[in-house]
Amino acid sequence: MALEFTLQRVMRSGRVLGLAVLGFGLATAGGCASAESLKASQMEARQQAEAANAAQRAADSAIARADLLKKQIDDLMSRGQGVDAIGANLQSENAQLRQANEELRAKYQQAM
């Protein structure tokens, strides 16, 4: 009976030991897969963050270019209006000078 009891005890402890080894193996293997999965997730998160930063820089650059182009267009439009105003002033000045020239010519004719 003592031998039977010892044999049962060894078998139980063998099962327990086997289960412990199996559990440790699964935990370790699971831990490695988890660590790899974690590293992959972290790498993916970094890549996504870099892509988001690159997209933000591109958007900021595009906005800056659009603002610059808008300013240039506004400057050209105001110059265009300025050119129109200068043209109108020159036409008015020419008309006044023609009038003055005609008056002087008439006075010259009278003096001759």
C-alpha atoms as a PDB file:
ATOM      1  CA  MET A   1       0.000   0.000   0.000  1.00  0.00           C
ATOM      2  CA  ALA A   2       2.822   2.347   0.743  1.00  0.00           C
ATOM      3  CA  LEU A   3       4.226   1.629  -2.668  1.00  0.00           C
ATOM      4  CA  GLU A   4       0.885   2.297  -4.261  1.00  0.00           C
ATOM      5  CA  PHE A   5       0.547   5.546  -2.357  1.00  0.00           C
ATOM      6  CA  THR A   6       4.032   6.635  -3.414  1.00  0.00           C
ATOM      7  CA  LEU A   7       3.371   5.645  -7.013  1.00  0.00           C
ATOM      8  CA  GLN A   8       0.140   7.628  -7.070  1.00  0.00           C
ATOM      9  CA  ARG A   9       1.936  10.532  -5.518  1.00  0.00           C
ATOM     10  CA  VAL A  10       4.675  10.431  -8.156  1.00  0.00           C
ATOM     11  CA  MET A  11       2.102  10.219 -10.938  1.00  0.00           C
ATOM     12  CA  ARG A  12       0.172  13.137  -9.503  1.00  0.00           C
ATOM     13  CA  SER A  13       3.292  15.190  -9.044  1.00  0.00           C
ATOM     14  CA  GLY A  14       4.344  14.162 -12.549  1.00  0.00           C
ATOM     15  CA  ARG A  15       1.013  15.443 -13.856  1.00  0.00           C
ATOM     16  CA  VAL A  16       1.349  18.586 -11.827  1.00  0.00           C
ATOM     17  CA  LEU A  17       4.911  19.010 -13.009  1.00  0.00           C
ATOM     18  CA  GLY A  18       3.862  18.286 -16.588  1.00  0.00           C
ATOM     19  CA  LEU A  19       1.041  20.801 -16.341  1.00  0.00           C
ATOM     20  CA  ALA A  20       3.406  23.325 -14.799  1.00  0.00           C
ATOM     21  CA  VAL A  21       5.919  22.844 -17.607  1.00  0.00           C
ATOM     22  CA  LEU A  22       3.159  23.018 -20.195  1.00  0.00           C
ATOM     23  CA  GLY A  23       1.706  26.150 -18.590  1.00  0.00           C
ATOM     24  CA  PHE A  24       5.132  27.787 -18.387  1.00  0.00           C
ATOM     25  CA  GLY A  25       5.803  26.919 -22.020  1.00  0.00           C
ATOM     26  CA  LEU A  26       2.494  28.357 -23.121  1.00  0.00           C
ATOM     27  CA  ALA A  27       2.971  31.451 -21.009  1.00  0.00           C
ATOM     28  CA  THR A  28       6.455  31.986 -22.378  1.00  0.00           C
ATOM     29  CA  ALA A  29       5.395  31.368 -25.950  1.00  0.00           C
ATOM     30  CA  GLY A  30       2.370  33.557 -25.414  1.00  0.00           C
ATOM     31  CA  GLY A  31       4.591  36.225 -23.898  1.00  0.00           C
ATOM     32  CA  CYS A  32       6.905  36.186 -26.916  1.00  0.00           C
ATOM     33  CA  ALA A  33       4.011  36.442 -29.286  1.00  0.00           C
ATOM     34  CA  SER A  34       2.604  39.225 -27.155  1.00  0.00           C
ATOM     35  CA  ALA A  35       5.931  41.058 -27.095  1.00  0.00           C
ATOM     36  CA  GLU A  36       6.237  40.704 -30.857  1.00  0.00           C
ATOM     37  CA  SER A  37       2.657  41.832 -31.256  1.00  0.00           C
ATOM     38  CA  LEU A  38       3.316  44.782 -28.953  1.00  0.00           C
ATOM     39  CA  LYS A  39       6.457  45.743 -30.887  1.00  0.00           C
ATOM     40  CA  ALA A  40       4.562  45.477 -34.168  1.00  0.00           C
ATOM     41  CA  SER A  41       1.746  47.614 -32.763  1.00  0.00           C
ATOM     42  CA  GLN A  42       4.221  50.202 -31.481  1.00  0.00           C
ATOM     43  CA  MET A  43       6.005  50.289 -34.840  1.00  0.00           C
ATOM     44  CA  GLU A  44       2.701  50.669 -36.658  1.00  0.00           C
ATOM     45  CA  ALA A  45       1.686  53.459 -34.274  1.00  0.00           C
ATOM     46  CA  ARG A  46       5.001  55.251 -34.896  1.00  0.00           C
ATOM     47  CA  GLN A  47       4.576  54.880 -38.646  1.00  0.00           C
ATOM     48  CA  GLN A  48       1.042  56.225 -38.454  1.00  0.00           C
ATOM     49  CA  ALA A  49       2.221  59.139 -36.308  1.00  0.00           C
ATOM     50  CA  GLU A  50       4.995  59.908 -38.804  1.00  0.00           C
ATOM     51  CA  ALA A  51       2.511  59.699 -41.670  1.00  0.00           C
ATOM     52  CA  ALA A  52       0.128  62.013 -39.814  1.00  0.00           C
ATOM     53  CA  ASN A  53       2.961  64.476 -39.142  1.00  0.00           C
ATOM     54  CA  ALA A  54       4.017  64.356 -42.788  1.00  0.00           C
ATOM     55  CA  ALA A  55       0.426  64.938 -43.883  1.00  0.00           C
ATOM     56  CA  GLN A  56       0.127  67.877 -41.460  1.00  0.00           C
ATOM     57  CA  ARG A  57       3.371  69.400 -42.794  1.00  0.00           C
ATOM     58  CA  ALA A  58       2.127  68.970 -46.366  1.00  0.00           C
ATOM     59  CA  ALA A  59      -1.210  70.569 -45.468  1.00  0.00           C
ATOM     60  CA  ASP A  60       0.526  73.467 -43.706  1.00  0.00           C
ATOM     61  CA  SER A  61       2.778  73.953 -46.719  1.00  0.00           C
ATOM     62  CA  ALA A  62      -0.187  73.894 -49.093  1.00  0.00           C
ATOM     63  CA  ILE A  63      -2.039  76.435 -46.948  1.00  0.00           C
ATOM     64  CA  ALA A  64       1.023  78.690 -46.868  1.00  0.00           C
ATOM     65  CA  ARG A  65       1.336  78.471 -50.677  1.00  0.00           C
ATOM     66  CA  ALA A  66      -2.365  79.214 -51.098  1.00  0.00           C
ATOM     67  CA  ASP A  67      -2.065  82.234 -48.788  1.00  0.00           C
ATOM     68  CA  LEU A  68       0.959  83.481 -50.731  1.00  0.00           C
ATOM     69  CA  LEU A  69      -0.833  83.063 -54.056  1.00  0.00           C
ATOM     70  CA  LYS A  70      -3.909  84.851 -52.696  1.00  0.00           C
ATOM     71  CA  LYS A  71      -1.727  87.733 -51.545  1.00  0.00           C
ATOM     72  CA  GLN A  72      -0.044  87.901 -54.948  1.00  0.00           C
ATOM     73  CA  ILE A  73      -3.416  87.892 -56.699  1.00  0.00           C
ATOM     74  CA  ASP A  74      -4.694  90.621 -54.367  1.00  0.00           C
ATOM     75  CA  ASP A  75      -1.556  92.678 -55.079  1.00  0.00           C
ATOM     76  CA  LEU A  76      -2.010  92.227 -58.821  1.00  0.00           C
ATOM     77  CA  MET A  77      -5.673  93.145 -58.585  1.00  0.00           C
ATOM     78  CA  SER A  78      -4.911  96.281 -56.606  1.00  0.00           C
ATOM     79  CA  ARG A  79      -2.173  97.156 -59.090  1.00  0.00           C
ATOM     80  CA  GLY A  80      -4.616  96.541 -61.883  1.00  0.00           C
ATOM     81  CA  GLN A  81      -7.020  98.950 -60.259  1.00  0.00           C
ATOM     82  CA  GLY A  82      -4.093 101.294 -59.719  1.00  0.00           C
ATOM     83  CA  VAL A  83      -3.171 101.021 -63.403  1.00  0.00           C
ATOM     84  CA  ASP A  84      -6.763 101.796 -64.332  1.00  0.00           C
ATOM     85  CA  ALA A  85      -6.718 104.805 -62.008  1.00  0.00           C
ATOM     86  CA  ILE A  86      -3.386 105.978 -63.471  1.00  0.00           C
ATOM     87  CA  GLY A  87      -4.807 105.594 -66.971  1.00  0.00           C
ATOM     88  CA  ALA A  88      -7.870 107.642 -66.025  1.00  0.00           C
ATOM     89  CA  ASN A  89      -5.644 110.335 -64.452  1.00  0.00           C
ATOM     90  CA  LEU A  90      -3.452 110.477 -67.571  1.00  0.00           C
ATOM     91  CA  GLN A  91      -6.492 110.831 -69.809  1.00  0.00           C
ATOM     92  CA  SER A  92      -7.831 113.633 -67.619  1.00  0.00           C
ATOM     93  CA  GLU A  93      -4.420 115.317 -67.576  1.00  0.00           C
ATOM     94  CA  ASN A  94      -4.152 115.006 -71.372  1.00  0.00           C
ATOM     95  CA  ALA A  95      -7.568 116.594 -71.776  1.00  0.00           C
ATOM     96  CA  GLN A  96      -6.565 119.493 -69.493  1.00  0.00           C
ATOM     97  CA  LEU A  97      -3.267 119.954 -71.345  1.00  0.00           C
ATOM     98  CA  ARG A  98      -5.058 119.931 -74.733  1.00  0.00           C
ATOM     99  CA  GLN A  99      -7.452 122.543 -73.414  1.00  0.00           C
ATOM    100  CA  ALA A 100      -4.555 124.691 -72.143  1.00  0.00           C
ATOM    101  CA  ASN A 101      -2.705 124.183 -75.440  1.00  0.00           C
ATOM    102  CA  GLU A 102      -5.727 125.291 -77.450  1.00  0.00           C
ATOM    103  CA  GLU A 103      -6.133 128.393 -75.265  1.00  0.00           C
ATOM    104  CA  LEU A 104      -2.451 129.289 -75.646  1.00  0.00           C
ATOM    105  CA  ARG A 105      -2.628 128.682 -79.400  1.00  0.00           C
ATOM    106  CA  ALA A 106      -5.658 130.955 -79.652  1.00  0.00           C
ATOM    107  CA  LYS A 107      -3.855 133.698 -77.670  1.00  0.00           C
ATOM    108  CA  TYR A 108      -0.800 133.262 -79.901  1.00  0.00           C
ATOM    109  CA  GLN A 109      -2.930 133.613 -83.009  1.00  0.00           C
ATOM    110  CA  GLN A 110      -4.467 136.788 -81.644  1.00  0.00           C
ATOM    111  CA  ALA A 111      -1.063 138.173 -80.799  1.00  0.00           C
ATOM    112  CA  MET A 112       0.203 137.601 -84.333  1.00  0.00           C
END
